[in-house]
Amino acid sequence: MPRIRLAALAGAAILAFGAIGAALAAGGGGAAVSIANFTFTAPAITVAAGTTVTWTNDDDTPHTVHAVDGAFHSQALDSADSYSFTFTKPGVYSYFCTLHPKMVGKVIVK
């Protein structure tokens, strides 16, 4: 009986990941940035226009994601919270954490 449950869970996980992948492909793809140890783990990323970038707080301290030019701004993200923004126009988007201004990053959109 436990093997059947494990197989059912594995099948559900595969379907869920497949649906997520299809959604990302349909929406122009996605990119991820982790927030850990008071840093954005990808200090600079390059993406195509139409890409959705998702920041996830992997720290045990709240953080924000705030564009220098005001193009986007998250609320305070607690542990495991995430924030997404879709970049539709080419350019360079510098951002920082308003709670810890020394935390900086950059999204380059081509």
N, C-alpha and C. Protein backbone atom coordinates (compact mmCIF):
# COMPACT_ATOMS: atom_id res chain seq x y z
N MET A 1 0.81 -1.21 0.00
CA MET A 1 0.00 0.00 0.00
C MET A 1 0.85 1.26 0.00
N PRO A 2 1.92 1.35 0.80
CA PRO A 2 2.74 2.56 0.77
C PRO A 2 3.35 2.83 -0.60
N ARG A 3 3.67 1.77 -1.36
CA ARG A 3 4.25 1.96 -2.69
C ARG A 3 3.25 2.64 -3.62
N ILE A 4 2.00 2.27 -3.49
CA ILE A 4 0.97 2.87 -4.34
C ILE A 4 0.82 4.35 -4.02
N ARG A 5 0.84 4.70 -2.73
CA ARG A 5 0.74 6.11 -2.34
C ARG A 5 1.94 6.90 -2.85
N LEU A 6 3.12 6.31 -2.71
CA LEU A 6 4.35 6.98 -3.18
C LEU A 6 4.28 7.20 -4.68
N ALA A 7 3.82 6.21 -5.42
CA ALA A 7 3.70 6.34 -6.87
C ALA A 7 2.69 7.43 -7.23
N ALA A 8 1.58 7.49 -6.50
CA ALA A 8 0.57 8.52 -6.77
C ALA A 8 1.14 9.91 -6.49
N LEU A 9 1.88 10.05 -5.40
CA LEU A 9 2.49 11.34 -5.08
C LEU A 9 3.52 11.74 -6.14
N ALA A 10 4.32 10.77 -6.57
CA ALA A 10 5.33 11.06 -7.60
C ALA A 10 4.65 11.49 -8.89
N GLY A 11 3.57 10.82 -9.27
CA GLY A 11 2.85 11.18 -10.49
C GLY A 11 2.26 12.58 -10.39
N ALA A 12 1.71 12.93 -9.22
CA ALA A 12 1.15 14.26 -9.03
C ALA A 12 2.24 15.32 -9.12
N ALA A 13 3.40 15.02 -8.56
CA ALA A 13 4.52 15.97 -8.62
C ALA A 13 4.97 16.19 -10.05
N ILE A 14 5.04 15.13 -10.83
CA ILE A 14 5.46 15.25 -12.23
C ILE A 14 4.46 16.10 -13.00
N LEU A 15 3.16 15.87 -12.78
CA LEU A 15 2.14 16.68 -13.45
C LEU A 15 2.24 18.14 -13.06
N ALA A 16 2.45 18.40 -11.77
CA ALA A 16 2.55 19.78 -11.29
C ALA A 16 3.74 20.48 -11.92
N PHE A 17 4.90 19.83 -11.94
CA PHE A 17 6.08 20.46 -12.53
C PHE A 17 5.91 20.65 -14.03
N GLY A 18 5.23 19.73 -14.69
CA GLY A 18 4.97 19.87 -16.11
C GLY A 18 4.08 21.08 -16.38
N ALA A 19 3.07 21.28 -15.55
CA ALA A 19 2.18 22.43 -15.71
C ALA A 19 2.92 23.73 -15.48
N ILE A 20 3.79 23.76 -14.49
CA ILE A 20 4.58 24.97 -14.23
C ILE A 20 5.48 25.26 -15.41
N GLY A 21 6.15 24.25 -15.93
CA GLY A 21 7.03 24.44 -17.09
C GLY A 21 6.28 24.95 -18.30
N ALA A 22 5.08 24.41 -18.53
CA ALA A 22 4.28 24.86 -19.67
C ALA A 22 3.86 26.31 -19.49
N ALA A 23 3.49 26.68 -18.27
CA ALA A 23 3.09 28.06 -18.02
C ALA A 23 4.25 29.01 -18.24
N LEU A 24 5.43 28.63 -17.79
CA LEU A 24 6.60 29.48 -18.00
C LEU A 24 6.91 29.61 -19.48
N ALA A 25 6.85 28.53 -20.22
CA ALA A 25 7.16 28.58 -21.64
C ALA A 25 6.15 29.46 -22.37
N ALA A 26 4.88 29.36 -21.99
CA ALA A 26 3.85 30.16 -22.65
C ALA A 26 4.00 31.63 -22.32
N GLY A 27 4.51 31.96 -21.14
CA GLY A 27 4.61 33.34 -20.72
C GLY A 27 5.96 33.97 -21.01
N GLY A 28 6.76 33.37 -21.87
CA GLY A 28 8.04 33.96 -22.21
C GLY A 28 9.17 33.47 -21.33
N GLY A 29 8.91 32.51 -20.49
CA GLY A 29 9.98 31.95 -19.66
C GLY A 29 10.07 32.65 -18.32
N GLY A 30 11.00 32.21 -17.54
CA GLY A 30 11.17 32.79 -16.21
C GLY A 30 12.60 32.68 -15.76
N ALA A 31 12.92 33.45 -14.75
CA ALA A 31 14.24 33.42 -14.14
C ALA A 31 14.04 33.56 -12.64
N ALA A 32 14.97 33.01 -11.87
CA ALA A 32 14.84 33.04 -10.41
C ALA A 32 16.07 33.65 -9.77
N VAL A 33 15.83 34.43 -8.72
CA VAL A 33 16.89 35.00 -7.91
C VAL A 33 16.59 34.65 -6.46
N SER A 34 17.55 34.06 -5.80
CA SER A 34 17.41 33.72 -4.39
C SER A 34 17.97 34.86 -3.54
N ILE A 35 17.30 35.12 -2.43
CA ILE A 35 17.81 36.08 -1.46
C ILE A 35 18.30 35.27 -0.27
N ALA A 36 19.61 35.30 -0.03
CA ALA A 36 20.18 34.49 1.04
C ALA A 36 21.43 35.18 1.59
N ASN A 37 21.59 35.06 2.90
CA ASN A 37 22.77 35.64 3.56
C ASN A 37 22.93 37.12 3.24
N PHE A 38 21.81 37.84 3.21
CA PHE A 38 21.80 39.29 2.96
C PHE A 38 22.41 39.65 1.62
N THR A 39 22.19 38.80 0.61
CA THR A 39 22.61 39.10 -0.76
C THR A 39 21.57 38.57 -1.74
N PHE A 40 21.53 39.18 -2.91
CA PHE A 40 20.80 38.61 -4.03
C PHE A 40 21.79 37.67 -4.70
N THR A 41 21.50 36.38 -4.72
CA THR A 41 22.51 35.40 -5.13
C THR A 41 22.90 35.48 -6.60
N ALA A 42 22.11 36.14 -7.39
CA ALA A 42 22.50 36.45 -8.77
C ALA A 42 22.57 37.97 -8.83
N PRO A 43 23.74 38.55 -8.56
CA PRO A 43 23.81 40.01 -8.51
C PRO A 43 23.45 40.69 -9.83
N ALA A 44 23.62 39.99 -10.93
CA ALA A 44 23.21 40.52 -12.23
C ALA A 44 22.74 39.35 -13.09
N ILE A 45 21.56 39.51 -13.68
CA ILE A 45 21.06 38.49 -14.60
C ILE A 45 20.66 39.17 -15.90
N THR A 46 20.75 38.43 -16.99
CA THR A 46 20.35 38.92 -18.30
C THR A 46 19.19 38.06 -18.78
N VAL A 47 18.10 38.71 -19.18
CA VAL A 47 16.91 38.01 -19.63
C VAL A 47 16.37 38.66 -20.89
N ALA A 48 15.52 37.95 -21.58
CA ALA A 48 14.85 38.50 -22.76
C ALA A 48 13.61 39.28 -22.32
N ALA A 49 13.21 40.26 -23.13
CA ALA A 49 11.97 40.98 -22.85
C ALA A 49 10.83 39.97 -22.79
N GLY A 50 9.93 40.16 -21.85
CA GLY A 50 8.82 39.24 -21.66
C GLY A 50 9.07 38.20 -20.58
N THR A 51 10.27 38.22 -20.01
CA THR A 51 10.63 37.25 -18.97
C THR A 51 10.12 37.70 -17.61
N THR A 52 9.60 36.76 -16.84
CA THR A 52 9.20 37.02 -15.47
C THR A 52 10.33 36.58 -14.55
N VAL A 53 10.78 37.49 -13.72
CA VAL A 53 11.81 37.17 -12.73
C VAL A 53 11.13 37.02 -11.38
N THR A 54 11.48 35.96 -10.66
CA THR A 54 10.92 35.70 -9.34
C THR A 54 12.05 35.70 -8.32
N TRP A 55 11.91 36.55 -7.32
CA TRP A 55 12.84 36.61 -6.19
C TRP A 55 12.21 35.83 -5.04
N THR A 56 12.98 34.97 -4.40
CA THR A 56 12.49 34.20 -3.25
C THR A 56 13.40 34.46 -2.06
N ASN A 57 12.79 34.80 -0.94
CA ASN A 57 13.56 35.06 0.28
C ASN A 57 13.89 33.74 0.97
N ASP A 58 15.15 33.34 0.88
CA ASP A 58 15.64 32.13 1.54
C ASP A 58 16.38 32.47 2.83
N ASP A 59 16.23 33.69 3.29
CA ASP A 59 16.82 34.15 4.56
C ASP A 59 15.77 34.04 5.65
N ASP A 60 16.22 34.18 6.89
CA ASP A 60 15.26 34.19 8.00
C ASP A 60 14.95 35.62 8.44
N THR A 61 15.31 36.60 7.60
CA THR A 61 15.08 38.02 7.85
C THR A 61 14.27 38.58 6.68
N PRO A 62 13.31 39.46 6.93
CA PRO A 62 12.55 40.05 5.82
C PRO A 62 13.45 40.89 4.89
N HIS A 63 13.09 40.90 3.61
CA HIS A 63 13.80 41.69 2.60
C HIS A 63 12.77 42.23 1.61
N THR A 64 13.17 43.24 0.84
CA THR A 64 12.34 43.76 -0.24
C THR A 64 13.14 43.73 -1.54
N VAL A 65 12.43 43.94 -2.64
CA VAL A 65 13.04 44.09 -3.95
C VAL A 65 12.47 45.39 -4.51
N HIS A 66 13.33 46.40 -4.68
CA HIS A 66 12.87 47.73 -5.07
C HIS A 66 13.74 48.28 -6.20
N ALA A 67 13.11 48.59 -7.33
CA ALA A 67 13.85 49.15 -8.47
C ALA A 67 14.27 50.57 -8.15
N VAL A 68 15.50 50.91 -8.52
CA VAL A 68 16.01 52.26 -8.30
C VAL A 68 15.12 53.28 -8.99
N ASP A 69 14.63 52.95 -10.20
CA ASP A 69 13.78 53.89 -10.94
C ASP A 69 12.29 53.77 -10.58
N GLY A 70 11.96 52.92 -9.61
CA GLY A 70 10.58 52.78 -9.16
C GLY A 70 9.71 51.89 -10.05
N ALA A 71 10.31 51.20 -11.03
CA ALA A 71 9.53 50.36 -11.95
C ALA A 71 8.83 49.21 -11.25
N PHE A 72 9.39 48.71 -10.16
CA PHE A 72 8.77 47.63 -9.40
C PHE A 72 9.18 47.75 -7.94
N HIS A 73 8.34 47.18 -7.09
CA HIS A 73 8.62 47.23 -5.65
C HIS A 73 7.81 46.15 -4.95
N SER A 74 8.49 45.32 -4.19
CA SER A 74 7.79 44.29 -3.43
C SER A 74 7.46 44.80 -2.04
N GLN A 75 6.53 44.14 -1.40
CA GLN A 75 6.34 44.35 0.02
C GLN A 75 7.46 43.60 0.73
N ALA A 76 7.55 43.71 2.03
CA ALA A 76 8.55 42.94 2.78
C ALA A 76 8.25 41.46 2.59
N LEU A 77 9.28 40.72 2.19
CA LEU A 77 9.15 39.29 1.97
C LEU A 77 9.68 38.55 3.19
N ASP A 78 8.82 37.80 3.85
CA ASP A 78 9.26 36.96 4.96
C ASP A 78 9.93 35.71 4.39
N SER A 79 10.45 34.87 5.25
CA SER A 79 11.09 33.63 4.82
C SER A 79 10.16 32.83 3.92
N ALA A 80 10.69 32.37 2.80
CA ALA A 80 10.00 31.55 1.80
C ALA A 80 8.98 32.33 0.96
N ASP A 81 8.80 33.62 1.21
CA ASP A 81 7.92 34.43 0.36
C ASP A 81 8.64 34.75 -0.94
N SER A 82 7.87 35.02 -1.98
CA SER A 82 8.49 35.39 -3.25
C SER A 82 7.72 36.55 -3.88
N TYR A 83 8.39 37.18 -4.82
CA TYR A 83 7.83 38.32 -5.56
C TYR A 83 8.24 38.16 -7.01
N SER A 84 7.32 38.41 -7.93
CA SER A 84 7.62 38.28 -9.36
C SER A 84 7.29 39.57 -10.10
N PHE A 85 8.07 39.83 -11.13
CA PHE A 85 7.84 40.98 -12.00
C PHE A 85 8.20 40.57 -13.42
N THR A 86 7.34 40.95 -14.38
CA THR A 86 7.60 40.65 -15.78
C THR A 86 8.20 41.88 -16.46
N PHE A 87 9.36 41.68 -17.05
CA PHE A 87 10.09 42.75 -17.73
C PHE A 87 9.69 42.78 -19.20
N THR A 88 8.98 43.82 -19.60
CA THR A 88 8.47 43.90 -20.97
C THR A 88 9.32 44.78 -21.88
N LYS A 89 10.13 45.66 -21.30
CA LYS A 89 10.92 46.58 -22.11
C LYS A 89 12.41 46.36 -21.88
N PRO A 90 13.21 46.39 -22.96
CA PRO A 90 14.66 46.27 -22.79
C PRO A 90 15.21 47.42 -21.95
N GLY A 91 16.29 47.14 -21.26
CA GLY A 91 16.94 48.15 -20.43
C GLY A 91 17.69 47.49 -19.28
N VAL A 92 18.27 48.33 -18.45
CA VAL A 92 18.99 47.86 -17.26
C VAL A 92 18.21 48.33 -16.05
N TYR A 93 17.81 47.39 -15.22
CA TYR A 93 17.00 47.67 -14.04
C TYR A 93 17.80 47.34 -12.79
N SER A 94 18.31 48.37 -12.14
CA SER A 94 19.04 48.19 -10.89
C SER A 94 18.03 48.17 -9.75
N TYR A 95 18.29 47.32 -8.75
CA TYR A 95 17.37 47.22 -7.63
C TYR A 95 18.14 47.00 -6.33
N PHE A 96 17.44 47.17 -5.20
CA PHE A 96 18.06 47.00 -3.89
C PHE A 96 16.99 46.61 -2.88
N CYS A 97 17.42 46.24 -1.69
CA CYS A 97 16.51 45.95 -0.58
C CYS A 97 16.37 47.23 0.23
N THR A 98 15.14 47.72 0.38
CA THR A 98 14.94 48.97 1.12
C THR A 98 15.24 48.81 2.61
N LEU A 99 15.19 47.58 3.12
CA LEU A 99 15.49 47.33 4.52
C LEU A 99 16.99 47.18 4.77
N HIS A 100 17.73 46.80 3.72
CA HIS A 100 19.18 46.60 3.80
C HIS A 100 19.79 47.16 2.51
N PRO A 101 19.94 48.48 2.39
CA PRO A 101 20.32 49.12 1.13
C PRO A 101 21.64 48.68 0.52
N LYS A 102 22.48 47.99 1.27
CA LYS A 102 23.74 47.49 0.68
C LYS A 102 23.50 46.26 -0.18
N MET A 103 22.31 45.68 -0.07
CA MET A 103 21.94 44.54 -0.92
C MET A 103 21.48 45.10 -2.27
N VAL A 104 22.22 44.81 -3.32
CA VAL A 104 21.91 45.35 -4.64
C VAL A 104 21.94 44.25 -5.71
N GLY A 105 21.22 44.51 -6.79
CA GLY A 105 21.21 43.60 -7.92
C GLY A 105 20.84 44.33 -9.17
N LYS A 106 20.86 43.61 -10.30
CA LYS A 106 20.59 44.24 -11.59
C LYS A 106 19.97 43.21 -12.53
N VAL A 107 18.93 43.62 -13.24
CA VAL A 107 18.35 42.80 -14.30
C VAL A 107 18.60 43.52 -15.60
N ILE A 108 19.25 42.84 -16.53
CA ILE A 108 19.52 43.39 -17.86
C ILE A 108 18.55 42.72 -18.81
N VAL A 109 17.70 43.52 -19.45
CA VAL A 109 16.67 42.99 -20.34
C VAL A 109 17.05 43.32 -21.77
N LYS A 110 17.14 42.29 -22.60
CA LYS A 110 17.51 42.48 -24.02
C LYS A 110 16.33 42.29 -24.91
